[in-house]
Amino acid sequence: MARRLVPGNVITDEPGIYFIPALIDKWKAEGTGKGFVNFDRLQSYYDFGGIRLEDDVLVTADGARRTGPNRLPILPDDVEAAMS
């Protein structure tokens, strides 16, 4: 964003992780992350795709707070319960 946030700004916090087989295979072949990435373990996630968790955040004078009355579930068991 490259700008200072001020009270009243609303931003979206979107942490996520994506498993893209073509990129993982490329990085494995190139040795990218060798010693840090367990490429064999990553193969078990090839059909997962990914997930992104989003929160809208209001910048306040003394910090920030999530907007809305309820937060969407983010813990695995809570997500499974909401989806069933």
C-alpha atoms as a PDB file:
ATOM      1  CA  MET A   1       0.000   0.000   0.000  1.00  0.00           C
ATOM      2  CA  ALA A   2       2.953   2.281   0.719  1.00  0.00           C
ATOM      3  CA  ARG A   3       1.027   4.833   2.734  1.00  0.00           C
ATOM      4  CA  ARG A   4       0.412   5.593   6.376  1.00  0.00           C
ATOM      5  CA  LEU A   5      -2.856   4.303   7.785  1.00  0.00           C
ATOM      6  CA  VAL A   6      -4.973   6.819   9.666  1.00  0.00           C
ATOM      7  CA  PRO A   7      -8.063   6.472  11.837  1.00  0.00           C
ATOM      8  CA  GLY A   8     -11.099   5.761   9.692  1.00  0.00           C
ATOM      9  CA  ASN A   9      -9.229   3.703   7.093  1.00  0.00           C
ATOM     10  CA  VAL A  10     -10.612   0.220   6.536  1.00  0.00           C
ATOM     11  CA  ILE A  11      -8.318  -2.471   5.179  1.00  0.00           C
ATOM     12  CA  THR A  12      -8.684  -6.175   4.511  1.00  0.00           C
ATOM     13  CA  ASP A  13      -6.264  -8.560   6.187  1.00  0.00           C
ATOM     14  CA  GLU A  14      -6.045 -11.647   3.943  1.00  0.00           C
ATOM     15  CA  PRO A  15      -3.574 -14.239   5.177  1.00  0.00           C
ATOM     16  CA  GLY A  16      -3.641 -17.337   3.034  1.00  0.00           C
ATOM     17  CA  ILE A  17      -1.737 -20.311   1.736  1.00  0.00           C
ATOM     18  CA  TYR A  18      -1.962 -21.905  -1.685  1.00  0.00           C
ATOM     19  CA  PHE A  19      -0.468 -25.144  -2.961  1.00  0.00           C
ATOM     20  CA  ILE A  20       0.259 -24.852  -6.681  1.00  0.00           C
ATOM     21  CA  PRO A  21       1.770 -28.127  -7.907  1.00  0.00           C
ATOM     22  CA  ALA A  22       3.455 -26.613 -10.976  1.00  0.00           C
ATOM     23  CA  LEU A  23       5.260 -24.005  -8.850  1.00  0.00           C
ATOM     24  CA  ILE A  24       6.202 -26.500  -6.149  1.00  0.00           C
ATOM     25  CA  ASP A  25       7.628 -28.879  -8.773  1.00  0.00           C
ATOM     26  CA  LYS A  26       9.551 -25.991 -10.381  1.00  0.00           C
ATOM     27  CA  TRP A  27      11.036 -24.890  -7.055  1.00  0.00           C
ATOM     28  CA  LYS A  28      11.960 -28.482  -6.199  1.00  0.00           C
ATOM     29  CA  ALA A  29      13.740 -28.892  -9.551  1.00  0.00           C
ATOM     30  CA  GLU A  30      15.559 -25.568  -9.073  1.00  0.00           C
ATOM     31  CA  GLY A  31      16.519 -26.338  -5.465  1.00  0.00           C
ATOM     32  CA  THR A  32      14.637 -23.284  -4.178  1.00  0.00           C
ATOM     33  CA  GLY A  33      14.199 -23.609  -0.412  1.00  0.00           C
ATOM     34  CA  LYS A  34      16.325 -26.761  -0.282  1.00  0.00           C
ATOM     35  CA  GLY A  35      16.913 -27.613   3.359  1.00  0.00           C
ATOM     36  CA  PHE A  36      13.913 -25.545   4.455  1.00  0.00           C
ATOM     37  CA  VAL A  37      11.028 -27.038   2.469  1.00  0.00           C
ATOM     38  CA  ASN A  38       9.898 -30.646   2.756  1.00  0.00           C
ATOM     39  CA  PHE A  39       8.884 -31.139  -0.871  1.00  0.00           C
ATOM     40  CA  ASP A  40       7.856 -34.767  -0.339  1.00  0.00           C
ATOM     41  CA  ARG A  41       5.390 -33.670   2.361  1.00  0.00           C
ATOM     42  CA  LEU A  42       3.996 -30.936   0.109  1.00  0.00           C
ATOM     43  CA  GLN A  43       2.908 -33.524  -2.445  1.00  0.00           C
ATOM     44  CA  SER A  44       0.146 -34.629  -0.060  1.00  0.00           C
ATOM     45  CA  TYR A  45      -1.380 -31.125  -0.450  1.00  0.00           C
ATOM     46  CA  TYR A  46      -1.389 -31.036  -4.264  1.00  0.00           C
ATOM     47  CA  ASP A  47      -5.165 -31.596  -4.430  1.00  0.00           C
ATOM     48  CA  PHE A  48      -5.977 -29.191  -1.577  1.00  0.00           C
ATOM     49  CA  GLY A  49      -5.698 -25.932  -3.488  1.00  0.00           C
ATOM     50  CA  GLY A  50      -5.537 -23.371  -0.715  1.00  0.00           C
ATOM     51  CA  ILE A  51      -7.362 -21.237   1.768  1.00  0.00           C
ATOM     52  CA  ARG A  52      -7.569 -17.542   2.536  1.00  0.00           C
ATOM     53  CA  LEU A  53      -8.946 -16.061   5.742  1.00  0.00           C
ATOM     54  CA  GLU A  54     -10.239 -12.511   5.526  1.00  0.00           C
ATOM     55  CA  ASP A  55     -10.952  -9.890   8.149  1.00  0.00           C
ATOM     56  CA  ASP A  56     -11.955  -6.299   7.468  1.00  0.00           C
ATOM     57  CA  VAL A  57     -10.141  -4.064   9.936  1.00  0.00           C
ATOM     58  CA  LEU A  58     -11.002  -0.505  10.952  1.00  0.00           C
ATOM     59  CA  VAL A  59      -8.035   1.666  11.917  1.00  0.00           C
ATOM     60  CA  THR A  60      -8.840   3.587  15.120  1.00  0.00           C
ATOM     61  CA  ALA A  61      -7.038   6.351  17.008  1.00  0.00           C
ATOM     62  CA  ASP A  62      -5.586   3.839  19.468  1.00  0.00           C
ATOM     63  CA  GLY A  63      -5.136   0.764  17.265  1.00  0.00           C
ATOM     64  CA  ALA A  64      -7.530  -1.257  15.156  1.00  0.00           C
ATOM     65  CA  ARG A  65     -10.540  -3.558  15.419  1.00  0.00           C
ATOM     66  CA  ARG A  66     -12.258  -6.085  13.210  1.00  0.00           C
ATOM     67  CA  THR A  67     -15.515  -4.874  11.713  1.00  0.00           C
ATOM     68  CA  GLY A  68     -18.811  -6.708  11.981  1.00  0.00           C
ATOM     69  CA  PRO A  69     -20.492  -8.417  14.910  1.00  0.00           C
ATOM     70  CA  ASN A  70     -19.170 -11.934  14.272  1.00  0.00           C
ATOM     71  CA  ARG A  71     -15.931 -13.369  13.044  1.00  0.00           C
ATOM     72  CA  LEU A  72     -16.022 -16.156  10.519  1.00  0.00           C
ATOM     73  CA  PRO A  73     -14.615 -19.411  11.856  1.00  0.00           C
ATOM     74  CA  ILE A  74     -10.882 -19.917  11.294  1.00  0.00           C
ATOM     75  CA  LEU A  75      -9.994 -22.943  13.421  1.00  0.00           C
ATOM     76  CA  PRO A  76     -10.243 -26.235  11.514  1.00  0.00           C
ATOM     77  CA  ASP A  77     -12.885 -27.772  13.782  1.00  0.00           C
ATOM     78  CA  ASP A  78     -14.963 -24.566  13.692  1.00  0.00           C
ATOM     79  CA  VAL A  79     -14.781 -24.401   9.883  1.00  0.00           C
ATOM     80  CA  GLU A  80     -15.828 -28.062   9.620  1.00  0.00           C
ATOM     81  CA  ALA A  81     -18.770 -27.445  11.974  1.00  0.00           C
ATOM     82  CA  ALA A  82     -19.893 -24.390  10.002  1.00  0.00           C
ATOM     83  CA  MET A  83     -19.675 -26.291   6.724  1.00  0.00           C
ATOM     84  CA  SER A  84     -21.671 -29.330   7.930  1.00  0.00           C
END
